[in-house]
Amino acid sequence: MFTKEDAIKIDKFIQEKFPIIYDFDFNAMVLVWGGGVKSVIMEGYAKDLDFIILADNDQKVIEFITKNNLEYTMNYFGGYKVTYNGFNIDLCHLVDLYRAETFTIPSTLTLSSSAALSVITGHP
């Protein structure tokens, strides 16, 4: 079960590794998800973090990357892989994630066994 203490761990880790995400346009909701969240909760560290941007279109992600002068490559989900202070980040607009042809969820995969999801910014 995801607890308040878990949320605090995730928040501290994000503030340490990728604090600029909190400056994201507040008209878009930003979710942190994936195995990195579970790793932070269980082990206190993750090799990378994945963020999903819930906005009208991909433009918000591009504006964020440009504003923060981040270099990027396209990731396998159709989003953007950036490195910030040596830490790997994936930024993906929800529509790109949905459209990604390579994105499949094995039938044995469950959220509790593989990943966690947390809202970090945007509208409640």
C-alpha atoms as a PDB file:
ATOM      1  CA  MET A   1       0.000   0.000   0.000  1.00  0.00           C
ATOM      2  CA  PHE A   2       1.244   3.485  -0.908  1.00  0.00           C
ATOM      3  CA  THR A   3       1.672   5.536   2.277  1.00  0.00           C
ATOM      4  CA  LYS A   4       2.316   9.167   3.157  1.00  0.00           C
ATOM      5  CA  GLU A   5       5.885   8.176   4.060  1.00  0.00           C
ATOM      6  CA  ASP A   6       6.300   6.684   0.574  1.00  0.00           C
ATOM      7  CA  ALA A   7       5.114   9.939  -0.988  1.00  0.00           C
ATOM      8  CA  ILE A   8       7.613  11.881   1.126  1.00  0.00           C
ATOM      9  CA  LYS A   9      10.469   9.585   0.005  1.00  0.00           C
ATOM     10  CA  ILE A  10       9.509  10.068  -3.640  1.00  0.00           C
ATOM     11  CA  ASP A  11       9.173  13.822  -3.250  1.00  0.00           C
ATOM     12  CA  LYS A  12      12.605  14.138  -1.609  1.00  0.00           C
ATOM     13  CA  PHE A  13      14.209  11.989  -4.295  1.00  0.00           C
ATOM     14  CA  ILE A  14      12.660  14.055  -7.095  1.00  0.00           C
ATOM     15  CA  GLN A  15      13.710  17.300  -5.412  1.00  0.00           C
ATOM     16  CA  GLU A  16      17.267  15.981  -5.249  1.00  0.00           C
ATOM     17  CA  LYS A  17      17.487  14.527  -8.767  1.00  0.00           C
ATOM     18  CA  PHE A  18      15.085  16.564 -10.938  1.00  0.00           C
ATOM     19  CA  PRO A  19      13.790  19.610  -9.043  1.00  0.00           C
ATOM     20  CA  ILE A  20      12.919  21.547 -12.198  1.00  0.00           C
ATOM     21  CA  ILE A  21       9.922  19.260 -12.789  1.00  0.00           C
ATOM     22  CA  TYR A  22       8.144  21.247 -10.088  1.00  0.00           C
ATOM     23  CA  ASP A  23       8.357  24.271 -12.398  1.00  0.00           C
ATOM     24  CA  PHE A  24       6.319  22.476 -15.056  1.00  0.00           C
ATOM     25  CA  ASP A  25       3.295  24.369 -16.392  1.00  0.00           C
ATOM     26  CA  PHE A  26       0.650  23.972 -13.705  1.00  0.00           C
ATOM     27  CA  ASN A  27      -2.073  23.710 -16.337  1.00  0.00           C
ATOM     28  CA  ALA A  28      -0.831  20.171 -16.899  1.00  0.00           C
ATOM     29  CA  MET A  29      -0.788  17.322 -14.419  1.00  0.00           C
ATOM     30  CA  VAL A  30       2.542  15.541 -14.063  1.00  0.00           C
ATOM     31  CA  LEU A  31       2.665  11.950 -12.844  1.00  0.00           C
ATOM     32  CA  VAL A  32       5.745  10.035 -11.822  1.00  0.00           C
ATOM     33  CA  TRP A  33       5.392   6.329 -12.488  1.00  0.00           C
ATOM     34  CA  GLY A  34       7.239   3.135 -13.188  1.00  0.00           C
ATOM     35  CA  GLY A  35       9.762   0.930 -11.513  1.00  0.00           C
ATOM     36  CA  GLY A  36      11.791   3.944 -10.373  1.00  0.00           C
ATOM     37  CA  VAL A  37       9.055   4.906  -7.949  1.00  0.00           C
ATOM     38  CA  LYS A  38       9.020   1.437  -6.453  1.00  0.00           C
ATOM     39  CA  SER A  39      12.824   1.458  -6.223  1.00  0.00           C
ATOM     40  CA  VAL A  40      12.819   4.763  -4.347  1.00  0.00           C
ATOM     41  CA  ILE A  41      10.234   3.437  -1.895  1.00  0.00           C
ATOM     42  CA  MET A  42      11.938   0.080  -1.356  1.00  0.00           C
ATOM     43  CA  GLU A  43      15.634   0.944  -1.766  1.00  0.00           C
ATOM     44  CA  GLY A  44      15.884   4.724  -1.426  1.00  0.00           C
ATOM     45  CA  TYR A  45      17.304   5.110  -4.938  1.00  0.00           C
ATOM     46  CA  ALA A  46      16.361   4.650  -8.592  1.00  0.00           C
ATOM     47  CA  LYS A  47      18.497   4.598 -11.741  1.00  0.00           C
ATOM     48  CA  ASP A  48      15.950   6.756 -13.554  1.00  0.00           C
ATOM     49  CA  LEU A  49      12.458   8.213 -13.291  1.00  0.00           C
ATOM     50  CA  ASP A  50       9.559   8.267 -15.710  1.00  0.00           C
ATOM     51  CA  PHE A  51       7.092  11.147 -15.879  1.00  0.00           C
ATOM     52  CA  ILE A  52       3.782  11.235 -17.742  1.00  0.00           C
ATOM     53  CA  ILE A  53       2.487  14.660 -18.722  1.00  0.00           C
ATOM     54  CA  LEU A  54      -1.302  15.000 -18.883  1.00  0.00           C
ATOM     55  CA  ALA A  55      -1.758  18.032 -21.097  1.00  0.00           C
ATOM     56  CA  ASP A  56      -3.714  18.919 -24.215  1.00  0.00           C
ATOM     57  CA  ASN A  57      -0.748  18.068 -26.430  1.00  0.00           C
ATOM     58  CA  ASP A  58       2.971  17.399 -26.601  1.00  0.00           C
ATOM     59  CA  GLN A  59       3.739  21.118 -26.830  1.00  0.00           C
ATOM     60  CA  LYS A  60       3.933  21.489 -23.032  1.00  0.00           C
ATOM     61  CA  VAL A  61       6.710  18.891 -22.900  1.00  0.00           C
ATOM     62  CA  ILE A  62       8.626  20.576 -25.719  1.00  0.00           C
ATOM     63  CA  GLU A  63       8.261  23.984 -24.043  1.00  0.00           C
ATOM     64  CA  PHE A  64       9.559  22.553 -20.754  1.00  0.00           C
ATOM     65  CA  ILE A  65      12.580  20.982 -22.472  1.00  0.00           C
ATOM     66  CA  THR A  66      13.351  24.194 -24.364  1.00  0.00           C
ATOM     67  CA  LYS A  67      12.844  26.470 -21.344  1.00  0.00           C
ATOM     68  CA  ASN A  68      15.278  24.396 -19.280  1.00  0.00           C
ATOM     69  CA  ASN A  69      17.779  23.971 -22.126  1.00  0.00           C
ATOM     70  CA  LEU A  70      17.652  20.173 -21.852  1.00  0.00           C
ATOM     71  CA  GLU A  71      19.156  17.973 -24.518  1.00  0.00           C
ATOM     72  CA  TYR A  72      16.983  15.015 -25.438  1.00  0.00           C
ATOM     73  CA  THR A  73      16.602  11.939 -27.563  1.00  0.00           C
ATOM     74  CA  MET A  74      13.351  10.193 -28.380  1.00  0.00           C
ATOM     75  CA  ASN A  75      12.635   7.244 -26.097  1.00  0.00           C
ATOM     76  CA  TYR A  76      10.930   3.961 -26.963  1.00  0.00           C
ATOM     77  CA  PHE A  77       7.563   5.209 -25.676  1.00  0.00           C
ATOM     78  CA  GLY A  78       7.571   8.106 -28.146  1.00  0.00           C
ATOM     79  CA  GLY A  79       8.507  10.579 -25.436  1.00  0.00           C
ATOM     80  CA  TYR A  80      11.744  12.304 -24.552  1.00  0.00           C
ATOM     81  CA  LYS A  81      14.776  10.959 -22.711  1.00  0.00           C
ATOM     82  CA  VAL A  82      16.745  13.717 -20.980  1.00  0.00           C
ATOM     83  CA  THR A  83      19.691  13.714 -18.623  1.00  0.00           C
ATOM     84  CA  TYR A  84      19.691  16.249 -15.826  1.00  0.00           C
ATOM     85  CA  ASN A  85      22.855  16.524 -13.704  1.00  0.00           C
ATOM     86  CA  GLY A  86      23.799  12.992 -14.763  1.00  0.00           C
ATOM     87  CA  PHE A  87      20.406  11.489 -13.893  1.00  0.00           C
ATOM     88  CA  ASN A  88      18.176   9.920 -16.580  1.00  0.00           C
ATOM     89  CA  ILE A  89      14.604  11.117 -16.967  1.00  0.00           C
ATOM     90  CA  ASP A  90      11.864  10.055 -19.374  1.00  0.00           C
ATOM     91  CA  LEU A  91       9.173  12.635 -20.150  1.00  0.00           C
ATOM     92  CA  CYS A  92       6.219  11.321 -22.064  1.00  0.00           C
ATOM     93  CA  HIS A  93       2.934  12.883 -23.041  1.00  0.00           C
ATOM     94  CA  LEU A  94       0.118  10.453 -22.281  1.00  0.00           C
ATOM     95  CA  VAL A  95      -1.029  10.347 -25.912  1.00  0.00           C
ATOM     96  CA  ASP A  96       2.479   9.377 -27.076  1.00  0.00           C
ATOM     97  CA  LEU A  97       2.617   6.646 -24.469  1.00  0.00           C
ATOM     98  CA  TYR A  98      -0.734   5.310 -25.608  1.00  0.00           C
ATOM     99  CA  ARG A  99       0.269   5.361 -29.278  1.00  0.00           C
ATOM    100  CA  ALA A 100       3.646   3.696 -28.786  1.00  0.00           C
ATOM    101  CA  GLU A 101       3.597   0.516 -30.810  1.00  0.00           C
ATOM    102  CA  THR A 102       6.212  -1.146 -28.648  1.00  0.00           C
ATOM    103  CA  PHE A 103       4.372  -0.496 -25.388  1.00  0.00           C
ATOM    104  CA  THR A 104       2.787  -3.722 -24.203  1.00  0.00           C
ATOM    105  CA  ILE A 105       1.806  -4.796 -20.726  1.00  0.00           C
ATOM    106  CA  PRO A 106       2.308  -8.490 -20.003  1.00  0.00           C
ATOM    107  CA  SER A 107      -0.813 -10.078 -18.564  1.00  0.00           C
ATOM    108  CA  THR A 108       1.133 -11.093 -15.446  1.00  0.00           C
ATOM    109  CA  LEU A 109       2.182  -7.512 -14.662  1.00  0.00           C
ATOM    110  CA  THR A 110       0.395  -5.702 -11.861  1.00  0.00           C
ATOM    111  CA  LEU A 111       0.872  -2.170 -10.609  1.00  0.00           C
ATOM    112  CA  SER A 112       1.677  -3.326  -7.093  1.00  0.00           C
ATOM    113  CA  SER A 113       4.325  -5.799  -8.246  1.00  0.00           C
ATOM    114  CA  SER A 114       6.156  -3.586 -10.708  1.00  0.00           C
ATOM    115  CA  ALA A 115       5.535   0.096 -10.289  1.00  0.00           C
ATOM    116  CA  ALA A 116       3.854   2.891  -8.468  1.00  0.00           C
ATOM    117  CA  LEU A 117       2.224   6.109  -9.569  1.00  0.00           C
ATOM    118  CA  SER A 118       2.188   9.475  -7.883  1.00  0.00           C
ATOM    119  CA  VAL A 119       0.817  12.885  -8.834  1.00  0.00           C
ATOM    120  CA  ILE A 120       3.513  15.485  -8.275  1.00  0.00           C
ATOM    121  CA  THR A 121       2.076  18.644  -9.790  1.00  0.00           C
ATOM    122  CA  GLY A 122      -0.966  20.052 -11.502  1.00  0.00           C
ATOM    123  CA  HIS A 123      -4.630  20.041 -10.722  1.00  0.00           C
ATOM    124  CA  PRO A 124      -5.882  17.708  -7.964  1.00  0.00           C
END
